[in-house]
Amino acid sequence: MIVNHHRKCPECNEVIEKAAPGCKYCGENFRINTVYTWMVNIGTLVFVGAMMWVLISWEIGHFYDPPALVAERPSKSVTGEYYIGAIALGCVTEDVYSRAFSMMTNREWEALARVVESGQCVELPEGMRVHIEDSTFSMVRIRPAGEVTAYWTGIEVPIER
């Protein structure tokens, strides 16, 4: 029978004294488990606190300035003289451009050649005049002057002259 000054060992379920540092039957060390649990709980608390600090700092602008970031990238239907700064790749959708960019990064040249051959991506020659139609954080949709088809490419590709 368990009285107030006894407890069951979590490992072997034998009745032992509450103040015992370990189980005399199976050798389970309660102090190690207590320290480990304490360390895990403190580590979790520190991690959650750090994440909250990051999120709060992000919201009040310590990490970046959203208005300045938005001002640097073109907004929808930007007017002005934009040109392709260096030979680039343009693709019909954001998803196809992301996949093609991944292929370039991973040096999968044969796969990239098949995407270009399929007509989903085209080479954008240096100096081509373009109109900016839309943009995201890392991509921009451009339309070559005089054409009706628009292509997604990297945000750094069109330059203003």
Protein backbone atom coordinates (compact mmCIF):
# COMPACT_ATOMS: atom_id res chain seq x y z
CA MET A 1 0.00 0.00 0.00
CA ILE A 2 1.32 3.45 -0.95
CA VAL A 3 1.31 5.99 1.88
CA ASN A 4 2.17 9.72 1.55
CA HIS A 5 5.88 9.07 2.04
CA HIS A 6 6.03 6.38 -0.66
CA ARG A 7 5.67 6.32 -4.45
CA LYS A 8 5.91 3.88 -7.33
CA CYS A 9 9.05 3.68 -9.43
CA PRO A 10 8.14 4.81 -12.98
CA GLU A 11 10.43 2.14 -14.44
CA CYS A 12 9.56 -1.06 -12.52
CA ASN A 13 6.41 -0.03 -10.55
CA GLU A 14 7.87 -1.12 -7.20
CA VAL A 15 6.91 0.88 -4.09
CA ILE A 16 9.83 3.01 -2.83
CA GLU A 17 10.37 5.98 -0.52
CA LYS A 18 9.40 9.35 -1.96
CA ALA A 19 12.75 10.92 -0.97
CA ALA A 20 14.85 8.12 -2.51
CA PRO A 21 17.35 9.32 -5.14
CA GLY A 22 16.79 6.12 -7.12
CA CYS A 23 15.01 2.79 -7.17
CA LYS A 24 16.63 0.06 -5.06
CA TYR A 25 14.98 -2.63 -7.21
CA CYS A 26 15.83 -1.59 -10.80
CA GLY A 27 18.49 1.07 -10.21
CA GLU A 28 16.56 3.91 -11.94
CA ASN A 29 18.24 7.23 -11.01
CA PHE A 30 15.56 9.88 -10.38
CA ARG A 31 18.03 12.77 -10.05
CA ILE A 32 19.35 12.28 -13.61
CA ASN A 33 15.80 12.20 -14.99
CA THR A 34 14.89 15.31 -13.01
CA VAL A 35 17.93 17.23 -14.26
CA TYR A 36 17.32 16.07 -17.83
CA THR A 37 13.64 17.06 -17.68
CA TRP A 38 14.59 20.41 -16.16
CA MET A 39 17.16 21.04 -18.92
CA VAL A 40 14.67 20.10 -21.65
CA ASN A 41 12.04 22.41 -20.16
CA ILE A 42 14.50 25.31 -19.83
CA GLY A 43 15.75 24.71 -23.39
CA THR A 44 12.20 24.73 -24.71
CA LEU A 45 11.42 27.90 -22.78
CA VAL A 46 14.55 29.65 -24.12
CA PHE A 47 13.72 28.57 -27.69
CA VAL A 48 10.10 29.77 -27.45
CA GLY A 49 11.25 33.04 -25.89
CA ALA A 50 13.81 33.61 -28.63
CA MET A 51 11.22 32.90 -31.33
CA MET A 52 8.80 35.36 -29.72
CA TRP A 53 11.54 37.99 -29.60
CA VAL A 54 12.27 37.43 -33.30
CA LEU A 55 8.60 37.71 -34.25
CA ILE A 56 8.02 40.81 -32.16
CA SER A 57 11.20 42.44 -33.46
CA TRP A 58 10.16 41.56 -37.01
CA GLU A 59 6.76 43.19 -36.50
CA ILE A 60 8.19 46.44 -35.10
CA GLY A 61 10.82 46.61 -37.80
CA HIS A 62 14.14 45.88 -36.13
CA PHE A 63 15.12 43.35 -38.81
CA TYR A 64 13.92 45.10 -41.93
CA ASP A 65 11.97 48.09 -43.12
CA PRO A 66 9.01 46.84 -45.18
CA PRO A 67 8.18 50.18 -46.85
CA ALA A 68 11.76 50.56 -48.10
CA LEU A 69 11.79 46.96 -49.32
CA VAL A 70 8.57 47.45 -51.26
CA ALA A 71 9.83 50.73 -52.70
CA GLU A 72 12.95 49.01 -54.09
CA ARG A 73 11.08 46.46 -56.16
CA PRO A 74 8.85 47.38 -59.04
CA SER A 75 5.13 47.41 -58.43
CA LYS A 76 2.50 46.27 -60.91
CA SER A 77 2.53 47.93 -64.33
CA VAL A 78 5.67 49.99 -63.82
CA THR A 79 6.36 52.51 -66.55
CA GLY A 80 9.81 53.59 -67.57
CA GLU A 81 12.70 52.42 -69.67
CA TYR A 82 13.69 48.91 -68.55
CA TYR A 83 16.14 46.65 -70.32
CA ILE A 84 17.54 43.17 -69.75
CA GLY A 85 20.89 43.77 -68.03
CA ALA A 86 22.48 40.44 -68.93
CA ILE A 87 21.38 37.32 -70.77
CA ALA A 88 18.61 35.80 -68.68
CA LEU A 89 15.94 33.14 -68.70
CA GLY A 90 12.23 33.99 -68.79
CA CYS A 91 9.46 31.45 -68.13
CA VAL A 92 5.70 31.49 -68.69
CA THR A 93 4.78 30.93 -65.00
CA GLU A 94 6.34 31.56 -61.61
CA ASP A 95 6.40 27.82 -60.92
CA VAL A 96 8.23 26.99 -64.15
CA TYR A 97 10.77 29.76 -63.44
CA SER A 98 11.35 28.41 -59.91
CA ARG A 99 11.95 24.92 -61.29
CA ALA A 100 14.23 26.24 -64.05
CA PHE A 101 16.17 28.31 -61.51
CA SER A 102 16.60 25.19 -59.39
CA MET A 103 17.87 23.32 -62.45
CA MET A 104 20.42 26.09 -63.12
CA THR A 105 21.53 26.09 -59.49
CA ASN A 106 21.95 22.30 -59.50
CA ARG A 107 23.66 22.36 -62.93
CA GLU A 108 21.00 20.16 -64.50
CA TRP A 109 21.67 21.53 -67.98
CA GLU A 110 19.98 18.72 -69.92
CA ALA A 111 16.73 19.10 -67.95
CA LEU A 112 16.88 22.88 -68.42
CA ALA A 113 17.41 22.43 -72.17
CA ARG A 114 14.25 20.28 -72.32
CA VAL A 115 12.25 23.02 -70.54
CA VAL A 116 13.53 25.61 -73.05
CA GLU A 117 12.81 23.27 -75.99
CA SER A 118 9.24 22.81 -74.71
CA GLY A 119 8.70 26.58 -75.05
CA GLN A 120 7.99 27.08 -71.35
CA CYS A 121 11.14 29.21 -71.00
CA VAL A 122 12.99 31.48 -73.43
CA GLU A 123 16.34 33.22 -73.50
CA LEU A 124 16.07 36.96 -72.85
CA PRO A 125 18.96 38.66 -74.66
CA GLU A 126 20.95 41.45 -73.06
CA GLY A 127 19.70 44.91 -74.03
CA MET A 128 16.10 43.83 -74.80
CA ARG A 129 13.61 46.57 -73.87
CA VAL A 130 10.88 45.26 -71.54
CA HIS A 131 7.82 46.39 -69.64
CA ILE A 132 7.35 45.27 -66.04
CA GLU A 133 3.86 43.89 -65.50
CA ASP A 134 3.99 42.28 -62.06
CA SER A 135 6.44 41.33 -59.33
CA THR A 136 6.87 39.23 -56.22
CA PHE A 137 9.59 39.31 -53.60
CA SER A 138 12.13 37.50 -55.80
CA MET A 139 10.62 37.46 -59.30
CA VAL A 140 9.28 39.91 -61.84
CA ARG A 141 6.96 39.37 -64.81
CA ILE A 142 8.23 41.23 -67.85
CA ARG A 143 6.88 41.64 -71.36
CA PRO A 144 9.31 42.37 -74.17
CA ALA A 145 8.41 45.60 -75.96
CA GLY A 146 6.11 44.96 -78.90
CA GLU A 147 5.19 41.41 -77.79
CA VAL A 148 2.07 40.06 -76.08
CA THR A 149 3.62 37.18 -74.10
CA ALA A 150 4.99 37.96 -70.64
CA TYR A 151 7.67 35.97 -68.81
CA TRP A 152 8.71 35.53 -65.20
CA THR A 153 12.38 36.05 -64.40
CA GLY A 154 14.61 37.08 -61.49
CA ILE A 155 13.91 40.47 -59.85
CA GLU A 156 17.48 41.62 -60.65
CA VAL A 157 17.22 41.02 -64.43
CA PRO A 158 15.49 44.20 -65.67
CA ILE A 159 17.47 47.38 -65.17
CA GLU A 160 16.34 50.96 -65.61
CA ARG A 161 18.16 53.28 -67.99
